[in-house]
Amino acid sequence: QVQLVESGGGLVQPGGSLRLSCTSATDLSFYTMKWYRQLPGEQRELVAGSGSGGSTDYGYSVKGRVTISRDPTKKTVYLQMNNLKPEDSATYYCNAVLGGFSYWGGGTLVTVSS
């Protein structure tokens, strides 16, 4: 069982930045790691993904404004978000996938508002 804990969410003004963290006691090096976001009553939307081999991909609505990265020494995956917009407000979830198994964190809330 892989446990994931997100942190770093909060209230930020439009145009601001946040760095979300996803930390685990498990070595995440071999996992495909992704960040999703979700609004109440809506489906989860892919924000960013990071393959175990170093590939990355980003959702269309955030491309150019977010960066996913890993720190294997800290067993942590980051999501750097810049130039935040009100429509980025959501609960952000970390996801780890390996061998057909998928694990989710409990989410961290991001609110972009003036």
PDB file of N, CA and C in Angstrom:
ATOM      1  N   GLN A   1       0.842  -1.179   0.000  1.00  0.00           N
ATOM      2  CA  GLN A   1       0.000   0.000   0.000  1.00  0.00           C
ATOM      3  C   GLN A   1       0.889   1.245   0.000  1.00  0.00           C
ATOM      4  N   VAL A   2       0.600   2.135  -0.908  1.00  0.00           N
ATOM      5  CA  VAL A   2       1.350   3.376  -1.019  1.00  0.00           C
ATOM      6  C   VAL A   2       0.495   4.502  -0.459  1.00  0.00           C
ATOM      7  N   GLN A   3       1.001   5.200   0.511  1.00  0.00           N
ATOM      8  CA  GLN A   3       0.291   6.349   1.068  1.00  0.00           C
ATOM      9  C   GLN A   3       0.921   7.629   0.557  1.00  0.00           C
ATOM     10  N   LEU A   4       0.071   8.524   0.108  1.00  0.00           N
ATOM     11  CA  LEU A   4       0.512   9.791  -0.452  1.00  0.00           C
ATOM     12  C   LEU A   4      -0.111  10.931   0.354  1.00  0.00           C
ATOM     13  N   VAL A   5       0.687  11.926   0.664  1.00  0.00           N
ATOM     14  CA  VAL A   5       0.199  13.066   1.427  1.00  0.00           C
ATOM     15  C   VAL A   5       0.550  14.347   0.673  1.00  0.00           C
ATOM     16  N   GLU A   6      -0.489  15.073   0.287  1.00  0.00           N
ATOM     17  CA  GLU A   6      -0.287  16.346  -0.396  1.00  0.00           C
ATOM     18  C   GLU A   6      -0.235  17.494   0.619  1.00  0.00           C
ATOM     19  N   SER A   7       0.503  18.530   0.267  1.00  0.00           N
ATOM     20  CA  SER A   7       0.559  19.735   1.082  1.00  0.00           C
ATOM     21  C   SER A   7       0.910  20.914   0.185  1.00  0.00           C
ATOM     22  N   GLY A   8       0.781  22.104   0.728  1.00  0.00           N
ATOM     23  CA  GLY A   8       1.175  23.299  -0.002  1.00  0.00           C
ATOM     24  C   GLY A   8       0.033  24.119  -0.556  1.00  0.00           C
ATOM     25  N   GLY A   9      -1.177  23.606  -0.442  1.00  0.00           N
ATOM     26  CA  GLY A   9      -2.312  24.373  -0.925  1.00  0.00           C
ATOM     27  C   GLY A   9      -2.615  25.551  -0.024  1.00  0.00           C
ATOM     28  N   GLY A  10      -3.514  26.398  -0.474  1.00  0.00           N
ATOM     29  CA  GLY A  10      -3.889  27.556   0.313  1.00  0.00           C
ATOM     30  C   GLY A  10      -4.534  28.615  -0.536  1.00  0.00           C
ATOM     31  N   LEU A  11      -4.646  29.795   0.030  1.00  0.00           N
ATOM     32  CA  LEU A  11      -5.242  30.933  -0.653  1.00  0.00           C
ATOM     33  C   LEU A  11      -4.138  31.779  -1.278  1.00  0.00           C
ATOM     34  N   VAL A  12      -4.295  32.082  -2.547  1.00  0.00           N
ATOM     35  CA  VAL A  12      -3.300  32.895  -3.250  1.00  0.00           C
ATOM     36  C   VAL A  12      -4.026  33.860  -4.175  1.00  0.00           C
ATOM     37  N   GLN A  13      -3.445  35.016  -4.380  1.00  0.00           N
ATOM     38  CA  GLN A  13      -4.056  35.990  -5.277  1.00  0.00           C
ATOM     39  C   GLN A  13      -3.801  35.633  -6.728  1.00  0.00           C
ATOM     40  N   PRO A  14      -4.670  36.064  -7.616  1.00  0.00           N
ATOM     41  CA  PRO A  14      -4.423  35.835  -9.052  1.00  0.00           C
ATOM     42  C   PRO A  14      -3.049  36.370  -9.449  1.00  0.00           C
ATOM     43  N   GLY A  15      -2.351  35.570 -10.252  1.00  0.00           N
ATOM     44  CA  GLY A  15      -0.998  35.918 -10.657  1.00  0.00           C
ATOM     45  C   GLY A  15       0.071  35.381  -9.731  1.00  0.00           C
ATOM     46  N   GLY A  16      -0.341  34.862  -8.601  1.00  0.00           N
ATOM     47  CA  GLY A  16       0.601  34.330  -7.632  1.00  0.00           C
ATOM     48  C   GLY A  16       1.059  32.919  -7.958  1.00  0.00           C
ATOM     49  N   SER A  17       1.876  32.383  -7.063  1.00  0.00           N
ATOM     50  CA  SER A  17       2.454  31.052  -7.249  1.00  0.00           C
ATOM     51  C   SER A  17       2.266  30.196  -6.009  1.00  0.00           C
ATOM     52  N   LEU A  18       2.239  28.909  -6.241  1.00  0.00           N
ATOM     53  CA  LEU A  18       2.223  27.925  -5.162  1.00  0.00           C
ATOM     54  C   LEU A  18       3.055  26.731  -5.585  1.00  0.00           C
ATOM     55  N   ARG A  19       3.642  26.072  -4.611  1.00  0.00           N
ATOM     56  CA  ARG A  19       4.299  24.791  -4.873  1.00  0.00           C
ATOM     57  C   ARG A  19       3.637  23.736  -4.016  1.00  0.00           C
ATOM     58  N   LEU A  20       3.024  22.787  -4.682  1.00  0.00           N
ATOM     59  CA  LEU A  20       2.406  21.662  -3.993  1.00  0.00           C
ATOM     60  C   LEU A  20       3.416  20.530  -3.860  1.00  0.00           C
ATOM     61  N   SER A  21       3.299  19.792  -2.770  1.00  0.00           N
ATOM     62  CA  SER A  21       4.171  18.648  -2.534  1.00  0.00           C
ATOM     63  C   SER A  21       3.342  17.395  -2.329  1.00  0.00           C
ATOM     64  N   CYS A  22       3.877  16.298  -2.782  1.00  0.00           N
ATOM     65  CA  CYS A  22       3.267  14.981  -2.580  1.00  0.00           C
ATOM     66  C   CYS A  22       4.357  14.091  -2.010  1.00  0.00           C
ATOM     67  N   THR A  23       4.181  13.696  -0.769  1.00  0.00           N
ATOM     68  CA  THR A  23       5.220  12.958  -0.068  1.00  0.00           C
ATOM     69  C   THR A  23       4.730  11.570   0.313  1.00  0.00           C
ATOM     70  N   SER A  24       5.667  10.624   0.277  1.00  0.00           N
ATOM     71  CA  SER A  24       5.338   9.255   0.623  1.00  0.00           C
ATOM     72  C   SER A  24       6.491   8.623   1.401  1.00  0.00           C
ATOM     73  N   ALA A  25       6.179   7.570   2.120  1.00  0.00           N
ATOM     74  CA  ALA A  25       7.220   6.772   2.764  1.00  0.00           C
ATOM     75  C   ALA A  25       7.799   5.766   1.778  1.00  0.00           C
ATOM     76  N   THR A  26       7.152   5.632   0.618  1.00  0.00           N
ATOM     77  CA  THR A  26       7.554   4.699  -0.435  1.00  0.00           C
ATOM     78  C   THR A  26       8.456   5.401  -1.433  1.00  0.00           C
ATOM     79  N   ASP A  27       9.438   4.705  -1.915  1.00  0.00           N
ATOM     80  CA  ASP A  27      10.270   5.213  -2.992  1.00  0.00           C
ATOM     81  C   ASP A  27       9.405   5.298  -4.253  1.00  0.00           C
ATOM     82  N   LEU A  28       9.200   6.523  -4.728  1.00  0.00           N
ATOM     83  CA  LEU A  28       8.306   6.754  -5.863  1.00  0.00           C
ATOM     84  C   LEU A  28       9.022   6.737  -7.209  1.00  0.00           C
ATOM     85  N   SER A  29      10.303   6.397  -7.204  1.00  0.00           N
ATOM     86  CA  SER A  29      11.113   6.493  -8.418  1.00  0.00           C
ATOM     87  C   SER A  29      10.560   5.674  -9.579  1.00  0.00           C
ATOM     88  N   PHE A  30       9.947   4.533  -9.285  1.00  0.00           N
ATOM     89  CA  PHE A  30       9.494   3.653 -10.350  1.00  0.00           C
ATOM     90  C   PHE A  30       8.022   3.873 -10.710  1.00  0.00           C
ATOM     91  N   TYR A  31       7.387   4.795 -10.041  1.00  0.00           N
ATOM     92  CA  TYR A  31       5.986   5.056 -10.273  1.00  0.00           C
ATOM     93  C   TYR A  31       5.788   6.167 -11.295  1.00  0.00           C
ATOM     94  N   THR A  32       4.718   6.048 -12.069  1.00  0.00           N
ATOM     95  CA  THR A  32       4.246   7.184 -12.836  1.00  0.00           C
ATOM     96  C   THR A  32       3.472   8.061 -11.865  1.00  0.00           C
ATOM     97  N   MET A  33       3.863   9.305 -11.778  1.00  0.00           N
ATOM     98  CA  MET A  33       3.252  10.231 -10.831  1.00  0.00           C
ATOM     99  C   MET A  33       2.461  11.291 -11.585  1.00  0.00           C
ATOM    100  N   LYS A  34       1.281  11.567 -11.094  1.00  0.00           N
ATOM    101  CA  LYS A  34       0.439  12.570 -11.741  1.00  0.00           C
ATOM    102  C   LYS A  34      -0.229  13.454 -10.692  1.00  0.00           C
ATOM    103  N   TRP A  35      -0.510  14.664 -11.114  1.00  0.00           N
ATOM    104  CA  TRP A  35      -1.342  15.578 -10.341  1.00  0.00           C
ATOM    105  C   TRP A  35      -2.648  15.784 -11.085  1.00  0.00           C
ATOM    106  N   TYR A  36      -3.725  15.667 -10.352  1.00  0.00           N
ATOM    107  CA  TYR A  36      -5.054  15.948 -10.874  1.00  0.00           C
ATOM    108  C   TYR A  36      -5.680  17.043 -10.013  1.00  0.00           C
ATOM    109  N   ARG A  37      -6.731  17.636 -10.545  1.00  0.00           N
ATOM    110  CA  ARG A  37      -7.511  18.568  -9.741  1.00  0.00           C
ATOM    111  C   ARG A  37      -8.986  18.302  -9.973  1.00  0.00           C
ATOM    112  N   GLN A  38      -9.770  18.713  -8.993  1.00  0.00           N
ATOM    113  CA  GLN A  38     -11.201  18.425  -9.069  1.00  0.00           C
ATOM    114  C   GLN A  38     -11.995  19.482  -8.344  1.00  0.00           C
ATOM    115  N   LEU A  39     -13.092  19.874  -8.962  1.00  0.00           N
ATOM    116  CA  LEU A  39     -14.071  20.730  -8.326  1.00  0.00           C
ATOM    117  C   LEU A  39     -15.243  19.865  -7.889  1.00  0.00           C
ATOM    118  N   PRO A  40     -15.948  20.281  -6.865  1.00  0.00           N
ATOM    119  CA  PRO A  40     -17.110  19.490  -6.423  1.00  0.00           C
ATOM    120  C   PRO A  40     -18.082  19.235  -7.565  1.00  0.00           C
ATOM    121  N   GLY A  41     -18.478  17.983  -7.719  1.00  0.00           N
ATOM    122  CA  GLY A  41     -19.451  17.624  -8.731  1.00  0.00           C
ATOM    123  C   GLY A  41     -18.889  17.459 -10.124  1.00  0.00           C
ATOM    124  N   GLU A  42     -17.568  17.642 -10.248  1.00  0.00           N
ATOM    125  CA  GLU A  42     -16.958  17.510 -11.562  1.00  0.00           C
ATOM    126  C   GLU A  42     -15.939  16.367 -11.568  1.00  0.00           C
ATOM    127  N   GLN A  43     -15.550  15.957 -12.769  1.00  0.00           N
ATOM    128  CA  GLN A  43     -14.554  14.902 -12.895  1.00  0.00           C
ATOM    129  C   GLN A  43     -13.156  15.449 -12.612  1.00  0.00           C
ATOM    130  N   ARG A  44     -12.292  14.544 -12.203  1.00  0.00           N
ATOM    131  CA  ARG A  44     -10.902  14.951 -11.994  1.00  0.00           C
ATOM    132  C   ARG A  44     -10.252  15.252 -13.338  1.00  0.00           C
ATOM    133  N   GLU A  45      -9.462  16.313 -13.334  1.00  0.00           N
ATOM    134  CA  GLU A  45      -8.785  16.778 -14.535  1.00  0.00           C
ATOM    135  C   GLU A  45      -7.282  16.600 -14.364  1.00  0.00           C
ATOM    136  N   LEU A  46      -6.633  16.020 -15.372  1.00  0.00           N
ATOM    137  CA  LEU A  46      -5.186  15.867 -15.306  1.00  0.00           C
ATOM    138  C   LEU A  46      -4.522  17.233 -15.391  1.00  0.00           C
ATOM    139  N   VAL A  47      -3.609  17.485 -14.455  1.00  0.00           N
ATOM    140  CA  VAL A  47      -2.842  18.723 -14.467  1.00  0.00           C
ATOM    141  C   VAL A  47      -1.445  18.481 -15.022  1.00  0.00           C
ATOM    142  N   ALA A  48      -0.792  17.448 -14.500  1.00  0.00           N
ATOM    143  CA  ALA A  48       0.582  17.160 -14.940  1.00  0.00           C
ATOM    144  C   ALA A  48       0.922  15.713 -14.641  1.00  0.00           C
ATOM    145  N   GLY A  49       1.830  15.155 -15.441  1.00  0.00           N
ATOM    146  CA  GLY A  49       2.270  13.795 -15.233  1.00  0.00           C
ATOM    147  C   GLY A  49       3.769  13.671 -15.385  1.00  0.00           C
ATOM    148  N   SER A  50       4.338  12.711 -14.672  1.00  0.00           N
ATOM    149  CA  SER A  50       5.779  12.472 -14.734  1.00  0.00           C
ATOM    150  C   SER A  50       6.028  10.975 -14.782  1.00  0.00           C
ATOM    151  N   GLY A  51       6.618  10.519 -15.910  1.00  0.00           N
ATOM    152  CA  GLY A  51       6.943   9.117 -16.033  1.00  0.00           C
ATOM    153  C   GLY A  51       8.205   8.764 -15.256  1.00  0.00           C
ATOM    154  N   SER A  52       8.362   7.492 -14.966  1.00  0.00           N
ATOM    155  CA  SER A  52       9.541   7.054 -14.207  1.00  0.00           C
ATOM    156  C   SER A  52      10.829   7.284 -14.985  1.00  0.00           C
ATOM    157  N   GLY A  53      10.719   7.389 -16.300  1.00  0.00           N
ATOM    158  CA  GLY A  53      11.895   7.617 -17.122  1.00  0.00           C
ATOM    159  C   GLY A  53      12.224   9.073 -17.351  1.00  0.00           C
ATOM    160  N   GLY A  54      11.415   9.943 -16.782  1.00  0.00           N
ATOM    161  CA  GLY A  54      11.694  11.372 -16.881  1.00  0.00           C
ATOM    162  C   GLY A  54      10.786  12.152 -17.809  1.00  0.00           C
ATOM    163  N   SER A  55       9.898  11.469 -18.498  1.00  0.00           N
ATOM    164  CA  SER A  55       8.980  12.191 -19.388  1.00  0.00           C
ATOM    165  C   SER A  55       7.971  12.978 -18.560  1.00  0.00           C
ATOM    166  N   THR A  56       7.464  14.043 -19.144  1.00  0.00           N
ATOM    167  CA  THR A  56       6.436  14.841 -18.489  1.00  0.00           C
ATOM    168  C   THR A  56       5.344  15.201 -19.493  1.00  0.00           C
ATOM    169  N   ASP A  57       4.152  15.411 -18.983  1.00  0.00           N
ATOM    170  CA  ASP A  57       3.080  15.948 -19.818  1.00  0.00           C
ATOM    171  C   ASP A  57       2.184  16.811 -18.955  1.00  0.00           C
ATOM    172  N   TYR A  58       1.487  17.728 -19.624  1.00  0.00           N
ATOM    173  CA  TYR A  58       0.709  18.731 -18.914  1.00  0.00           C
ATOM    174  C   TYR A  58      -0.661  18.901 -19.537  1.00  0.00           C
ATOM    175  N   GLY A  59      -1.617  19.230 -18.690  1.00  0.00           N
ATOM    176  CA  GLY A  59      -2.940  19.526 -19.179  1.00  0.00           C
ATOM    177  C   GLY A  59      -2.950  20.805 -20.000  1.00  0.00           C
ATOM    178  N   TYR A  60      -3.824  20.864 -20.957  1.00  0.00           N
ATOM    179  CA  TYR A  60      -3.832  22.001 -21.885  1.00  0.00           C
ATOM    180  C   TYR A  60      -4.051  23.323 -21.157  1.00  0.00           C
ATOM    181  N   SER A  61      -4.919  23.300 -20.157  1.00  0.00           N
ATOM    182  CA  SER A  61      -5.292  24.556 -19.504  1.00  0.00           C
ATOM    183  C   SER A  61      -4.186  25.119 -18.611  1.00  0.00           C
ATOM    184  N   VAL A  62      -3.192  24.318 -18.293  1.00  0.00           N
ATOM    185  CA  VAL A  62      -2.134  24.778 -17.398  1.00  0.00           C
ATOM    186  C   VAL A  62      -0.764  24.793 -18.066  1.00  0.00           C
ATOM    187  N   LYS A  63      -0.682  24.308 -19.281  1.00  0.00           N
ATOM    188  CA  LYS A  63       0.613  24.191 -19.945  1.00  0.00           C
ATOM    189  C   LYS A  63       1.300  25.550 -20.007  1.00  0.00           C
ATOM    190  N   GLY A  64       2.571  25.548 -19.626  1.00  0.00           N
ATOM    191  CA  GLY A  64       3.342  26.784 -19.607  1.00  0.00           C
ATOM    192  C   GLY A  64       3.304  27.500 -18.270  1.00  0.00           C
ATOM    193  N   ARG A  65       2.418  27.052 -17.399  1.00  0.00           N
ATOM    194  CA  ARG A  65       2.290  27.702 -16.097  1.00  0.00           C
ATOM    195  C   ARG A  65       2.640  26.773 -14.938  1.00  0.00           C
ATOM    196  N   VAL A  66       2.732  25.476 -15.202  1.00  0.00           N
ATOM    197  CA  VAL A  66       3.033  24.520 -14.132  1.00  0.00           C
ATOM    198  C   VAL A  66       4.204  23.636 -14.532  1.00  0.00           C
ATOM    199  N   THR A  67       4.896  23.153 -13.504  1.00  0.00           N
ATOM    200  CA  THR A  67       6.012  22.242 -13.715  1.00  0.00           C
ATOM    201  C   THR A  67       5.954  21.142 -12.670  1.00  0.00           C
ATOM    202  N   ILE A  68       6.028  19.908 -13.138  1.00  0.00           N
ATOM    203  CA  ILE A  68       6.084  18.771 -12.224  1.00  0.00           C
ATOM    204  C   ILE A  68       7.538  18.329 -12.100  1.00  0.00           C
ATOM    205  N   SER A  69       7.930  17.999 -10.889  1.00  0.00           N
ATOM    206  CA  SER A  69       9.305  17.564 -10.672  1.00  0.00           C
ATOM    207  C   SER A  69       9.333  16.568  -9.521  1.00  0.00           C
ATOM    208  N   ARG A  70      10.468  15.879  -9.417  1.00  0.00           N
ATOM    209  CA  ARG A  70      10.631  14.872  -8.375  1.00  0.00           C
ATOM    210  C   ARG A  70      11.910  15.136  -7.588  1.00  0.00           C
ATOM    211  N   ASP A  71      11.876  14.773  -6.316  1.00  0.00           N
ATOM    212  CA  ASP A  71      13.081  14.714  -5.506  1.00  0.00           C
ATOM    213  C   ASP A  71      13.131  13.322  -4.888  1.00  0.00           C
ATOM    214  N   PRO A  72      13.823  12.390  -5.533  1.00  0.00           N
ATOM    215  CA  PRO A  72      13.845  11.012  -5.029  1.00  0.00           C
ATOM    216  C   PRO A  72      14.410  10.901  -3.614  1.00  0.00           C
ATOM    217  N   THR A  73      15.331  11.779  -3.273  1.00  0.00           N
ATOM    218  CA  THR A  73      15.924  11.696  -1.930  1.00  0.00           C
ATOM    219  C   THR A  73      14.911  12.005  -0.848  1.00  0.00           C
ATOM    220  N   LYS A  74      13.903  12.783  -1.202  1.00  0.00           N
ATOM    221  CA  LYS A  74      12.860  13.134  -0.241  1.00  0.00           C
ATOM    222  C   LYS A  74      11.573  12.378  -0.478  1.00  0.00           C
ATOM    223  N   LYS A  75      11.574  11.478  -1.487  1.00  0.00           N
ATOM    224  CA  LYS A  75      10.366  10.709  -1.822  1.00  0.00           C
ATOM    225  C   LYS A  75       9.191  11.662  -2.009  1.00  0.00           C
ATOM    226  N   THR A  76       9.454  12.711  -2.761  1.00  0.00           N
ATOM    227  CA  THR A  76       8.469  13.771  -2.933  1.00  0.00           C
ATOM    228  C   THR A  76       8.357  14.159  -4.393  1.00  0.00           C
ATOM    229  N   VAL A  77       7.143  14.456  -4.792  1.00  0.00           N
ATOM    230  CA  VAL A  77       6.867  14.991  -6.121  1.00  0.00           C
ATOM    231  C   VAL A  77       6.258  16.375  -5.934  1.00  0.00           C
ATOM    232  N   TYR A  78       6.694  17.306  -6.745  1.00  0.00           N
ATOM    233  CA  TYR A  78       6.252  18.683  -6.616  1.00  0.00           C
ATOM    234  C   TYR A  78       5.420  19.118  -7.816  1.00  0.00           C
ATOM    235  N   LEU A  79       4.587  20.093  -7.575  1.00  0.00           N
ATOM    236  CA  LEU A  79       3.879  20.767  -8.659  1.00  0.00           C
ATOM    237  C   LEU A  79       4.037  22.261  -8.421  1.00  0.00           C
ATOM    238  N   GLN A  80       4.890  22.873  -9.226  1.00  0.00           N
ATOM    239  CA  GLN A  80       5.082  24.320  -9.164  1.00  0.00           C
ATOM    240  C   GLN A  80       4.059  24.987 -10.060  1.00  0.00           C
ATOM    241  N   MET A  81       3.283  25.863  -9.503  1.00  0.00           N
ATOM    242  CA  MET A  81       2.231  26.537 -10.268  1.00  0.00           C
ATOM    243  C   MET A  81       2.460  28.042 -10.222  1.00  0.00           C
ATOM    244  N   ASN A  82       2.535  28.641 -11.388  1.00  0.00           N
ATOM    245  CA  ASN A  82       2.778  30.074 -11.514  1.00  0.00           C
ATOM    246  C   ASN A  82       1.627  30.743 -12.253  1.00  0.00           C
ATOM    247  N   ASN A  83       1.566  32.057 -12.106  1.00  0.00           N
ATOM    248  CA  ASN A  83       0.539  32.839 -12.786  1.00  0.00           C
ATOM    249  C   ASN A  83      -0.848  32.218 -12.584  1.00  0.00           C
ATOM    250  N   LEU A  84      -1.160  31.966 -11.351  1.00  0.00           N
ATOM    251  CA  LEU A  84      -2.413  31.283 -11.031  1.00  0.00           C
ATOM    252  C   LEU A  84      -3.618  32.148 -11.365  1.00  0.00           C
ATOM    253  N   LYS A  85      -4.672  31.476 -11.795  1.00  0.00           N
ATOM    254  CA  LYS A  85      -5.915  32.128 -12.178  1.00  0.00           C
ATOM    255  C   LYS A  85      -7.055  31.622 -11.295  1.00  0.00           C
ATOM    256  N   PRO A  86      -8.104  32.385 -11.167  1.00  0.00           N
ATOM    257  CA  PRO A  86      -9.232  31.907 -10.355  1.00  0.00           C
ATOM    258  C   PRO A  86      -9.745  30.533 -10.785  1.00  0.00           C
ATOM    259  N   GLU A  87      -9.684  30.256 -12.071  1.00  0.00           N
ATOM    260  CA  GLU A  87     -10.166  28.961 -12.554  1.00  0.00           C
ATOM    261  C   GLU A  87      -9.243  27.800 -12.183  1.00  0.00           C
ATOM    262  N   ASP A  88      -8.096  28.100 -11.593  1.00  0.00           N
ATOM    263  CA  ASP A  88      -7.231  27.042 -11.079  1.00  0.00           C
ATOM    264  C   ASP A  88      -7.658  26.564  -9.696  1.00  0.00           C
ATOM    265  N   SER A  89      -8.607  27.249  -9.109  1.00  0.00           N
ATOM    266  CA  SER A  89      -9.089  26.866  -7.783  1.00  0.00           C
ATOM    267  C   SER A  89      -9.717  25.473  -7.844  1.00  0.00           C
ATOM    268  N   ALA A  90      -9.253  24.594  -6.983  1.00  0.00           N
ATOM    269  CA  ALA A  90      -9.736  23.211  -6.955  1.00  0.00           C
ATOM    270  C   ALA A  90      -9.000  22.477  -5.837  1.00  0.00           C
ATOM    271  N   THR A  91      -9.424  21.255  -5.596  1.00  0.00           N
ATOM    272  CA  THR A  91      -8.640  20.363  -4.751  1.00  0.00           C
ATOM    273  C   THR A  91      -7.685  19.597  -5.662  1.00  0.00           C
ATOM    274  N   TYR A  92      -6.434  19.603  -5.296  1.00  0.00           N
ATOM    275  CA  TYR A  92      -5.402  18.962  -6.100  1.00  0.00           C
ATOM    276  C   TYR A  92      -5.001  17.642  -5.452  1.00  0.00           C
ATOM    277  N   TYR A  93      -4.955  16.613  -6.291  1.00  0.00           N
ATOM    278  CA  TYR A  93      -4.663  15.265  -5.822  1.00  0.00           C
ATOM    279  C   TYR A  93      -3.409  14.720  -6.486  1.00  0.00           C
ATOM    280  N   CYS A  94      -2.652  13.969  -5.709  1.00  0.00           N
ATOM    281  CA  CYS A  94      -1.475  13.269  -6.201  1.00  0.00           C
ATOM    282  C   CYS A  94      -1.873  11.819  -6.486  1.00  0.00           C
ATOM    283  N   ASN A  95      -1.324  11.266  -7.557  1.00  0.00           N
ATOM    284  CA  ASN A  95      -1.640   9.905  -7.979  1.00  0.00           C
ATOM    285  C   ASN A  95      -0.363   9.172  -8.347  1.00  0.00           C
ATOM    286  N   ALA A  96      -0.224   7.949  -7.847  1.00  0.00           N
ATOM    287  CA  ALA A  96       0.927   7.109  -8.177  1.00  0.00           C
ATOM    288  C   ALA A  96       0.430   5.829  -8.824  1.00  0.00           C
ATOM    289  N   VAL A  97       1.044   5.462  -9.942  1.00  0.00           N
ATOM    290  CA  VAL A  97       0.614   4.282 -10.691  1.00  0.00           C
ATOM    291  C   VAL A  97       1.819   3.404 -10.989  1.00  0.00           C
ATOM    292  N   LEU A  98       1.637   2.097 -10.718  1.00  0.00           N
ATOM    293  CA  LEU A  98       2.682   1.130 -11.049  1.00  0.00           C
ATOM    294  C   LEU A  98       2.046  -0.238 -11.188  1.00  0.00           C
ATOM    295  N   GLY A  99       2.312  -0.889 -12.305  1.00  0.00           N
ATOM    296  CA  GLY A  99       1.851  -2.254 -12.487  1.00  0.00           C
ATOM    297  C   GLY A  99       0.356  -2.446 -12.354  1.00  0.00           C
ATOM    298  N   GLY A 100      -0.408  -1.465 -12.809  1.00  0.00           N
ATOM    299  CA  GLY A 100      -1.852  -1.586 -12.746  1.00  0.00           C
ATOM    300  C   GLY A 100      -2.464  -1.162 -11.429  1.00  0.00           C
ATOM    301  N   PHE A 101      -1.647  -0.827 -10.486  1.00  0.00           N
ATOM    302  CA  PHE A 101      -2.135  -0.340  -9.198  1.00  0.00           C
ATOM    303  C   PHE A 101      -2.053   1.182  -9.170  1.00  0.00           C
ATOM    304  N   SER A 102      -3.101   1.774  -8.633  1.00  0.00           N
ATOM    305  CA  SER A 102      -3.194   3.229  -8.590  1.00  0.00           C
ATOM    306  C   SER A 102      -3.502   3.668  -7.166  1.00  0.00           C
ATOM    307  N   TYR A 103      -2.775   4.668  -6.705  1.00  0.00           N
ATOM    308  CA  TYR A 103      -2.924   5.159  -5.341  1.00  0.00           C
ATOM    309  C   TYR A 103      -3.161   6.661  -5.372  1.00  0.00           C
ATOM    310  N   TRP A 104      -3.985   7.124  -4.435  1.00  0.00           N
ATOM    311  CA  TRP A 104      -4.347   8.534  -4.380  1.00  0.00           C
ATOM    312  C   TRP A 104      -4.089   9.104  -2.994  1.00  0.00           C
ATOM    313  N   GLY A 105      -3.725  10.371  -2.977  1.00  0.00           N
ATOM    314  CA  GLY A 105      -3.658  11.098  -1.729  1.00  0.00           C
ATOM    315  C   GLY A 105      -5.016  11.695  -1.389  1.00  0.00           C
ATOM    316  N   GLY A 106      -5.080  12.370  -0.257  1.00  0.00           N
ATOM    317  CA  GLY A 106      -6.332  12.946   0.204  1.00  0.00           C
ATOM    318  C   GLY A 106      -6.629  14.320  -0.358  1.00  0.00           C
ATOM    319  N   GLY A 107      -5.659  14.914  -1.046  1.00  0.00           N
ATOM    320  CA  GLY A 107      -5.887  16.196  -1.699  1.00  0.00           C
ATOM    321  C   GLY A 107      -5.470  17.392  -0.867  1.00  0.00           C
ATOM    322  N   THR A 108      -5.195  18.486  -1.564  1.00  0.00           N
ATOM    323  CA  THR A 108      -4.901  19.769  -0.926  1.00  0.00           C
ATOM    324  C   THR A 108      -5.659  20.852  -1.692  1.00  0.00           C
ATOM    325  N   LEU A 109      -6.284  21.748  -0.966  1.00  0.00           N
ATOM    326  CA  LEU A 109      -7.167  22.743  -1.570  1.00  0.00           C
ATOM    327  C   LEU A 109      -6.388  23.981  -1.980  1.00  0.00           C
ATOM    328  N   VAL A 110      -6.599  24.385  -3.213  1.00  0.00           N
ATOM    329  CA  VAL A 110      -6.018  25.615  -3.744  1.00  0.00           C
ATOM    330  C   VAL A 110      -7.154  26.574  -4.072  1.00  0.00           C
ATOM    331  N   THR A 111      -7.068  27.775  -3.539  1.00  0.00           N
ATOM    332  CA  THR A 111      -8.052  28.806  -3.823  1.00  0.00           C
ATOM    333  C   THR A 111      -7.334  30.032  -4.354  1.00  0.00           C
ATOM    334  N   VAL A 112      -7.710  30.436  -5.550  1.00  0.00           N
ATOM    335  CA  VAL A 112      -7.112  31.615  -6.179  1.00  0.00           C
ATOM    336  C   VAL A 112      -8.167  32.711  -6.202  1.00  0.00           C
ATOM    337  N   SER A 113      -7.931  33.719  -5.395  1.00  0.00           N
ATOM    338  CA  SER A 113      -8.930  34.772  -5.260  1.00  0.00           C
ATOM    339  C   SER A 113      -8.282  36.031  -4.713  1.00  0.00           C
ATOM    340  N   SER A 114      -8.829  37.152  -5.118  1.00  0.00           N
ATOM    341  CA  SER A 114      -8.348  38.426  -4.587  1.00  0.00           C
ATOM    342  C   SER A 114      -9.195  38.857  -3.400  1.00  0.00           C
TER     343      SER A 114
END
